[in-house]
Amino acid sequence: MKKHGFDLAAFEEYFSFDRFITLDAEPSKTGRARFKLIGSWCDEVVVVAIVSPLGSEAIDIVSVRRAYKNERALYASH
């Protein structure tokens, strides 16, 4: 499935898990916790992923999009 031009099925392969920022995000309509991950995609584009934990071993990827200017600046300063 693609959303905002990013293949969600490829998230684990392309998202840079060795350097990213985690912020709290609005919970889902059902109250599930969500987090905003700011990191790079293929070491080229800074993206924001909204994710929700599935237990302690997995995440549900809700959305991936290009980071806004302020999010890119936050990532660059990290």
PDB file of N, CA and C in Angstrom:
ATOM      1  N   MET A   1       0.842  -1.183   0.000  1.00  0.00           N
ATOM      2  CA  MET A   1       0.000   0.000   0.000  1.00  0.00           C
ATOM      3  C   MET A   1       0.884   1.243   0.000  1.00  0.00           C
ATOM      4  N   LYS A   2       0.562   2.181  -0.844  1.00  0.00           N
ATOM      5  CA  LYS A   2       1.311   3.439  -0.878  1.00  0.00           C
ATOM      6  C   LYS A   2       0.465   4.546  -0.267  1.00  0.00           C
ATOM      7  N   LYS A   3       1.139   5.407   0.479  1.00  0.00           N
ATOM      8  CA  LYS A   3       0.475   6.572   1.050  1.00  0.00           C
ATOM      9  C   LYS A   3       1.454   7.721   0.961  1.00  0.00           C
ATOM     10  N   HIS A   4       1.024   8.846   0.417  1.00  0.00           N
ATOM     11  CA  HIS A   4       1.881  10.020   0.233  1.00  0.00           C
ATOM     12  C   HIS A   4       3.120   9.677  -0.600  1.00  0.00           C
ATOM     13  N   GLY A   5       3.015   8.672  -1.476  1.00  0.00           N
ATOM     14  CA  GLY A   5       4.129   8.312  -2.343  1.00  0.00           C
ATOM     15  C   GLY A   5       5.136   7.345  -1.741  1.00  0.00           C
ATOM     16  N   PHE A   6       4.901   6.891  -0.524  1.00  0.00           N
ATOM     17  CA  PHE A   6       5.819   5.964   0.139  1.00  0.00           C
ATOM     18  C   PHE A   6       5.152   4.600   0.280  1.00  0.00           C
ATOM     19  N   ASP A   7       5.893   3.559  -0.021  1.00  0.00           N
ATOM     20  CA  ASP A   7       5.394   2.190   0.069  1.00  0.00           C
ATOM     21  C   ASP A   7       5.483   1.728   1.519  1.00  0.00           C
ATOM     22  N   LEU A   8       4.335   1.614   2.169  1.00  0.00           N
ATOM     23  CA  LEU A   8       4.325   1.231   3.580  1.00  0.00           C
ATOM     24  C   LEU A   8       4.883  -0.172   3.793  1.00  0.00           C
ATOM     25  N   ALA A   9       4.743  -1.041   2.809  1.00  0.00           N
ATOM     26  CA  ALA A   9       5.280  -2.396   2.935  1.00  0.00           C
ATOM     27  C   ALA A   9       6.802  -2.389   2.977  1.00  0.00           C
ATOM     28  N   ALA A  10       7.421  -1.337   2.449  1.00  0.00           N
ATOM     29  CA  ALA A  10       8.885  -1.238   2.424  1.00  0.00           C
ATOM     30  C   ALA A  10       9.439  -0.430   3.595  1.00  0.00           C
ATOM     31  N   PHE A  11       8.587  -0.057   4.545  1.00  0.00           N
ATOM     32  CA  PHE A  11       9.004   0.808   5.649  1.00  0.00           C
ATOM     33  C   PHE A  11      10.213   0.254   6.390  1.00  0.00           C
ATOM     34  N   GLU A  12      10.160  -0.995   6.764  1.00  0.00           N
ATOM     35  CA  GLU A  12      11.257  -1.594   7.542  1.00  0.00           C
ATOM     36  C   GLU A  12      12.572  -1.582   6.756  1.00  0.00           C
ATOM     37  N   GLU A  13      12.475  -1.728   5.454  1.00  0.00           N
ATOM     38  CA  GLU A  13      13.675  -1.752   4.610  1.00  0.00           C
ATOM     39  C   GLU A  13      14.263  -0.356   4.382  1.00  0.00           C
ATOM     40  N   TYR A  14      13.413   0.652   4.211  1.00  0.00           N
ATOM     41  CA  TYR A  14      13.882   1.976   3.791  1.00  0.00           C
ATOM     42  C   TYR A  14      14.003   3.013   4.897  1.00  0.00           C
ATOM     43  N   PHE A  15      13.287   2.847   6.011  1.00  0.00           N
ATOM     44  CA  PHE A  15      13.364   3.831   7.095  1.00  0.00           C
ATOM     45  C   PHE A  15      14.645   3.607   7.887  1.00  0.00           C
ATOM     46  N   SER A  16      15.333   4.693   8.209  1.00  0.00           N
ATOM     47  CA  SER A  16      16.611   4.608   8.925  1.00  0.00           C
ATOM     48  C   SER A  16      16.369   4.474  10.426  1.00  0.00           C
ATOM     49  N   PHE A  17      16.396   3.246  10.919  1.00  0.00           N
ATOM     50  CA  PHE A  17      16.164   2.997  12.344  1.00  0.00           C
ATOM     51  C   PHE A  17      17.399   3.270  13.200  1.00  0.00           C
ATOM     52  N   ASP A  18      18.539   3.543  12.576  1.00  0.00           N
ATOM     53  CA  ASP A  18      19.743   3.814  13.364  1.00  0.00           C
ATOM     54  C   ASP A  18      19.820   5.268  13.816  1.00  0.00           C
ATOM     55  N   ARG A  19      18.994   6.146  13.252  1.00  0.00           N
ATOM     56  CA  ARG A  19      18.961   7.550  13.693  1.00  0.00           C
ATOM     57  C   ARG A  19      17.577   8.124  13.408  1.00  0.00           C
ATOM     58  N   PHE A  20      16.775   8.280  14.460  1.00  0.00           N
ATOM     59  CA  PHE A  20      15.454   8.875  14.302  1.00  0.00           C
ATOM     60  C   PHE A  20      15.013   9.492  15.621  1.00  0.00           C
ATOM     61  N   ILE A  21      13.998  10.337  15.553  1.00  0.00           N
ATOM     62  CA  ILE A  21      13.436  11.005  16.722  1.00  0.00           C
ATOM     63  C   ILE A  21      12.047  10.437  16.960  1.00  0.00           C
ATOM     64  N   THR A  22      11.683  10.228  18.211  1.00  0.00           N
ATOM     65  CA  THR A  22      10.346   9.772  18.566  1.00  0.00           C
ATOM     66  C   THR A  22       9.641  10.854  19.370  1.00  0.00           C
ATOM     67  N   LEU A  23       8.437  11.212  18.942  1.00  0.00           N
ATOM     68  CA  LEU A  23       7.605  12.185  19.646  1.00  0.00           C
ATOM     69  C   LEU A  23       6.220  11.588  19.863  1.00  0.00           C
ATOM     70  N   ASP A  24       5.525  12.043  20.890  1.00  0.00           N
ATOM     71  CA  ASP A  24       4.143  11.620  21.087  1.00  0.00           C
ATOM     72  C   ASP A  24       3.283  12.197  19.974  1.00  0.00           C
ATOM     73  N   ALA A  25       2.257  11.462  19.580  1.00  0.00           N
ATOM     74  CA  ALA A  25       1.289  11.923  18.586  1.00  0.00           C
ATOM     75  C   ALA A  25      -0.106  11.757  19.177  1.00  0.00           C
ATOM     76  N   GLU A  26      -1.090  12.317  18.505  1.00  0.00           N
ATOM     77  CA  GLU A  26      -2.473  12.176  18.955  1.00  0.00           C
ATOM     78  C   GLU A  26      -2.859  10.698  18.960  1.00  0.00           C
ATOM     79  N   PRO A  27      -3.538  10.236  20.015  1.00  0.00           N
ATOM     80  CA  PRO A  27      -3.986   8.837  20.019  1.00  0.00           C
ATOM     81  C   PRO A  27      -5.033   8.601  18.925  1.00  0.00           C
ATOM     82  N   SER A  28      -5.241   7.341  18.602  1.00  0.00           N
ATOM     83  CA  SER A  28      -6.248   6.997  17.597  1.00  0.00           C
ATOM     84  C   SER A  28      -7.646   7.279  18.152  1.00  0.00           C
ATOM     85  N   LYS A  29      -8.641   7.189  17.298  1.00  0.00           N
ATOM     86  CA  LYS A  29     -10.028   7.398  17.738  1.00  0.00           C
ATOM     87  C   LYS A  29     -10.454   6.370  18.768  1.00  0.00           C
ATOM     88  N   THR A  30      -9.799   5.216  18.770  1.00  0.00           N
ATOM     89  CA  THR A  30     -10.121   4.174  19.749  1.00  0.00           C
ATOM     90  C   THR A  30      -9.257   4.269  20.995  1.00  0.00           C
ATOM     91  N   GLY A  31      -8.374   5.276  21.046  1.00  0.00           N
ATOM     92  CA  GLY A  31      -7.551   5.490  22.230  1.00  0.00           C
ATOM     93  C   GLY A  31      -6.182   4.832  22.205  1.00  0.00           C
ATOM     94  N   ARG A  32      -5.846   4.139  21.114  1.00  0.00           N
ATOM     95  CA  ARG A  32      -4.520   3.511  21.029  1.00  0.00           C
ATOM     96  C   ARG A  32      -3.440   4.578  20.940  1.00  0.00           C
ATOM     97  N   ALA A  33      -2.340   4.345  21.626  1.00  0.00           N
ATOM     98  CA  ALA A  33      -1.209   5.278  21.600  1.00  0.00           C
ATOM     99  C   ALA A  33      -0.622   5.338  20.197  1.00  0.00           C
ATOM    100  N   ARG A  34      -0.166   6.536  19.834  1.00  0.00           N
ATOM    101  CA  ARG A  34       0.513   6.729  18.556  1.00  0.00           C
ATOM    102  C   ARG A  34       1.753   7.574  18.789  1.00  0.00           C
ATOM    103  N   PHE A  35       2.746   7.360  17.938  1.00  0.00           N
ATOM    104  CA  PHE A  35       3.997   8.096  18.029  1.00  0.00           C
ATOM    105  C   PHE A  35       4.385   8.607  16.651  1.00  0.00           C
ATOM    106  N   LYS A  36       5.090   9.723  16.649  1.00  0.00           N
ATOM    107  CA  LYS A  36       5.612  10.315  15.424  1.00  0.00           C
ATOM    108  C   LYS A  36       7.100  10.001  15.374  1.00  0.00           C
ATOM    109  N   LEU A  37       7.529   9.315  14.323  1.00  0.00           N
ATOM    110  CA  LEU A  37       8.944   9.030  14.102  1.00  0.00           C
ATOM    111  C   LEU A  37       9.435   9.949  12.996  1.00  0.00           C
ATOM    112  N   ILE A  38      10.508  10.689  13.259  1.00  0.00           N
ATOM    113  CA  ILE A  38      11.108  11.542  12.238  1.00  0.00           C
ATOM    114  C   ILE A  38      12.469  10.946  11.908  1.00  0.00           C
ATOM    115  N   GLY A  39      12.645  10.573  10.658  1.00  0.00           N
ATOM    116  CA  GLY A  39      13.896   9.948  10.242  1.00  0.00           C
ATOM    117  C   GLY A  39      14.067  10.041   8.744  1.00  0.00           C
ATOM    118  N   SER A  40      15.060   9.351   8.232  1.00  0.00           N
ATOM    119  CA  SER A  40      15.308   9.425   6.788  1.00  0.00           C
ATOM    120  C   SER A  40      14.789   8.176   6.081  1.00  0.00           C
ATOM    121  N   TRP A  41      14.443   8.366   4.824  1.00  0.00           N
ATOM    122  CA  TRP A  41      13.954   7.304   3.948  1.00  0.00           C
ATOM    123  C   TRP A  41      15.009   7.110   2.875  1.00  0.00           C
ATOM    124  N   CYS A  42      15.613   5.963   2.824  1.00  0.00           N
ATOM    125  CA  CYS A  42      16.684   5.659   1.864  1.00  0.00           C
ATOM    126  C   CYS A  42      17.846   6.633   2.002  1.00  0.00           C
ATOM    127  N   ASP A  43      18.066   7.164   3.188  1.00  0.00           N
ATOM    128  CA  ASP A  43      19.138   8.130   3.450  1.00  0.00           C
ATOM    129  C   ASP A  43      19.065   9.357   2.550  1.00  0.00           C
ATOM    130  N   GLU A  44      17.885   9.673   2.024  1.00  0.00           N
ATOM    131  CA  GLU A  44      17.741  10.805   1.116  1.00  0.00           C
ATOM    132  C   GLU A  44      16.698  11.810   1.578  1.00  0.00           C
ATOM    133  N   VAL A  45      15.536  11.346   1.950  1.00  0.00           N
ATOM    134  CA  VAL A  45      14.398  12.205   2.254  1.00  0.00           C
ATOM    135  C   VAL A  45      14.065  12.075   3.733  1.00  0.00           C
ATOM    136  N   VAL A  46      13.841  13.222   4.404  1.00  0.00           N
ATOM    137  CA  VAL A  46      13.406  13.170   5.799  1.00  0.00           C
ATOM    138  C   VAL A  46      11.894  12.990   5.798  1.00  0.00           C
ATOM    139  N   VAL A  47      11.437  11.980   6.525  1.00  0.00           N
ATOM    140  CA  VAL A  47      10.017  11.645   6.559  1.00  0.00           C
ATOM    141  C   VAL A  47       9.501  11.623   7.989  1.00  0.00           C
ATOM    142  N   VAL A  48       8.176  11.684   8.087  1.00  0.00           N
ATOM    143  CA  VAL A  48       7.484  11.511   9.358  1.00  0.00           C
ATOM    144  C   VAL A  48       6.601  10.286   9.207  1.00  0.00           C
ATOM    145  N   ALA A  49       6.717   9.373  10.146  1.00  0.00           N
ATOM    146  CA  ALA A  49       5.861   8.194  10.174  1.00  0.00           C
ATOM    147  C   ALA A  49       5.033   8.246  11.447  1.00  0.00           C
ATOM    148  N   ILE A  50       3.740   8.028  11.316  1.00  0.00           N
ATOM    149  CA  ILE A  50       2.874   7.888  12.477  1.00  0.00           C
ATOM    150  C   ILE A  50       2.693   6.391  12.679  1.00  0.00           C
ATOM    151  N   VAL A  51       3.050   5.932  13.870  1.00  0.00           N
ATOM    152  CA  VAL A  51       2.996   4.499  14.165  1.00  0.00           C
ATOM    153  C   VAL A  51       2.266   4.266  15.479  1.00  0.00           C
ATOM    154  N   SER A  52       1.775   3.054  15.642  1.00  0.00           N
ATOM    155  CA  SER A  52       1.108   2.643  16.873  1.00  0.00           C
ATOM    156  C   SER A  52       1.684   1.298  17.291  1.00  0.00           C
ATOM    157  N   PRO A  53       2.077   1.160  18.561  1.00  0.00           N
ATOM    158  CA  PRO A  53       2.656  -0.112  19.004  1.00  0.00           C
ATOM    159  C   PRO A  53       1.647  -1.259  18.933  1.00  0.00           C
ATOM    160  N   LEU A  54       2.150  -2.417  18.536  1.00  0.00           N
ATOM    161  CA  LEU A  54       1.380  -3.663  18.571  1.00  0.00           C
ATOM    162  C   LEU A  54       2.106  -4.582  19.538  1.00  0.00           C
ATOM    163  N   GLY A  55       1.775  -4.488  20.799  1.00  0.00           N
ATOM    164  CA  GLY A  55       2.516  -5.228  21.814  1.00  0.00           C
ATOM    165  C   GLY A  55       3.889  -4.613  21.982  1.00  0.00           C
ATOM    166  N   SER A  56       4.869  -5.445  22.309  1.00  0.00           N
ATOM    167  CA  SER A  56       6.223  -4.931  22.530  1.00  0.00           C
ATOM    168  C   SER A  56       7.173  -5.260  21.381  1.00  0.00           C
ATOM    169  N   GLU A  57       6.701  -5.974  20.375  1.00  0.00           N
ATOM    170  CA  GLU A  57       7.583  -6.444  19.312  1.00  0.00           C
ATOM    171  C   GLU A  57       7.294  -5.881  17.929  1.00  0.00           C
ATOM    172  N   ALA A  58       6.193  -5.164  17.751  1.00  0.00           N
ATOM    173  CA  ALA A  58       5.827  -4.720  16.403  1.00  0.00           C
ATOM    174  C   ALA A  58       5.142  -3.357  16.459  1.00  0.00           C
ATOM    175  N   ILE A  59       5.055  -2.713  15.283  1.00  0.00           N
ATOM    176  CA  ILE A  59       4.340  -1.451  15.172  1.00  0.00           C
ATOM    177  C   ILE A  59       3.377  -1.510  13.995  1.00  0.00           C
ATOM    178  N   ASP A  60       2.292  -0.773  14.111  1.00  0.00           N
ATOM    179  CA  ASP A  60       1.344  -0.581  13.025  1.00  0.00           C
ATOM    180  C   ASP A  60       1.700   0.751  12.379  1.00  0.00           C
ATOM    181  N   ILE A  61       2.006   0.760  11.101  1.00  0.00           N
ATOM    182  CA  ILE A  61       2.366   1.988  10.398  1.00  0.00           C
ATOM    183  C   ILE A  61       1.076   2.623   9.899  1.00  0.00           C
ATOM    184  N   VAL A  62       0.748   3.767  10.461  1.00  0.00           N
ATOM    185  CA  VAL A  62      -0.485   4.459  10.118  1.00  0.00           C
ATOM    186  C   VAL A  62      -0.292   5.320   8.879  1.00  0.00           C
ATOM    187  N   SER A  63       0.822   6.043   8.815  1.00  0.00           N
ATOM    188  CA  SER A  63       1.057   6.976   7.720  1.00  0.00           C
ATOM    189  C   SER A  63       2.540   7.291   7.607  1.00  0.00           C
ATOM    190  N   VAL A  64       2.982   7.576   6.391  1.00  0.00           N
ATOM    191  CA  VAL A  64       4.342   8.070   6.140  1.00  0.00           C
ATOM    192  C   VAL A  64       4.210   9.221   5.147  1.00  0.00           C
ATOM    193  N   ARG A  65       4.872  10.333   5.451  1.00  0.00           N
ATOM    194  CA  ARG A  65       4.835  11.497   4.571  1.00  0.00           C
ATOM    195  C   ARG A  65       6.170  12.222   4.639  1.00  0.00           C
ATOM    196  N   ARG A  66       6.412  13.111   3.693  1.00  0.00           N
ATOM    197  CA  ARG A  66       7.599  13.970   3.749  1.00  0.00           C
ATOM    198  C   ARG A  66       7.486  14.876   4.964  1.00  0.00           C
ATOM    199  N   ALA A  67       8.599  15.103   5.629  1.00  0.00           N
ATOM    200  CA  ALA A  67       8.613  15.967   6.808  1.00  0.00           C
ATOM    201  C   ALA A  67       8.433  17.421   6.394  1.00  0.00           C
ATOM    202  N   TYR A  68       7.738  18.167   7.246  1.00  0.00           N
ATOM    203  CA  TYR A  68       7.607  19.610   7.050  1.00  0.00           C
ATOM    204  C   TYR A  68       8.931  20.274   7.403  1.00  0.00           C
ATOM    205  N   LYS A  69       9.068  21.526   7.006  1.00  0.00           N
ATOM    206  CA  LYS A  69      10.318  22.260   7.217  1.00  0.00           C
ATOM    207  C   LYS A  69      10.749  22.242   8.684  1.00  0.00           C
ATOM    208  N   ASN A  70       9.820  22.491   9.612  1.00  0.00           N
ATOM    209  CA  ASN A  70      10.177  22.502  11.040  1.00  0.00           C
ATOM    210  C   ASN A  70      10.583  21.114  11.533  1.00  0.00           C
ATOM    211  N   GLU A  71      10.001  20.066  10.977  1.00  0.00           N
ATOM    212  CA  GLU A  71      10.363  18.700  11.358  1.00  0.00           C
ATOM    213  C   GLU A  71      11.745  18.342  10.816  1.00  0.00           C
ATOM    214  N   ARG A  72      12.059  18.802   9.608  1.00  0.00           N
ATOM    215  CA  ARG A  72      13.398  18.575   9.048  1.00  0.00           C
ATOM    216  C   ARG A  72      14.455  19.288   9.882  1.00  0.00           C
ATOM    217  N   ALA A  73      14.142  20.507  10.333  1.00  0.00           N
ATOM    218  CA  ALA A  73      15.085  21.260  11.176  1.00  0.00           C
ATOM    219  C   ALA A  73      15.296  20.553  12.508  1.00  0.00           C
ATOM    220  N   LEU A  74      14.233  20.043  13.098  1.00  0.00           N
ATOM    221  CA  LEU A  74      14.347  19.299  14.356  1.00  0.00           C
ATOM    222  C   LEU A  74      15.216  18.063  14.161  1.00  0.00           C
ATOM    223  N   TYR A  75      15.005  17.347  13.073  1.00  0.00           N
ATOM    224  CA  TYR A  75      15.793  16.152  12.774  1.00  0.00           C
ATOM    225  C   TYR A  75      17.266  16.507  12.566  1.00  0.00           C
ATOM    226  N   ALA A  76      17.526  17.593  11.854  1.00  0.00           N
ATOM    227  CA  ALA A  76      18.905  18.009  11.579  1.00  0.00           C
ATOM    228  C   ALA A  76      19.640  18.409  12.852  1.00  0.00           C
ATOM    229  N   SER A  77      18.906  18.934  13.832  1.00  0.00           N
ATOM    230  CA  SER A  77      19.542  19.373  15.080  1.00  0.00           C
ATOM    231  C   SER A  77      19.720  18.238  16.080  1.00  0.00           C
ATOM    232  N   HIS A  78      19.180  17.089  15.783  1.00  0.00           N
ATOM    233  CA  HIS A  78      19.232  15.934  16.690  1.00  0.00           C
ATOM    234  C   HIS A  78      20.567  15.231  16.607  1.00  0.00           C
TER     235      HIS A  78
END
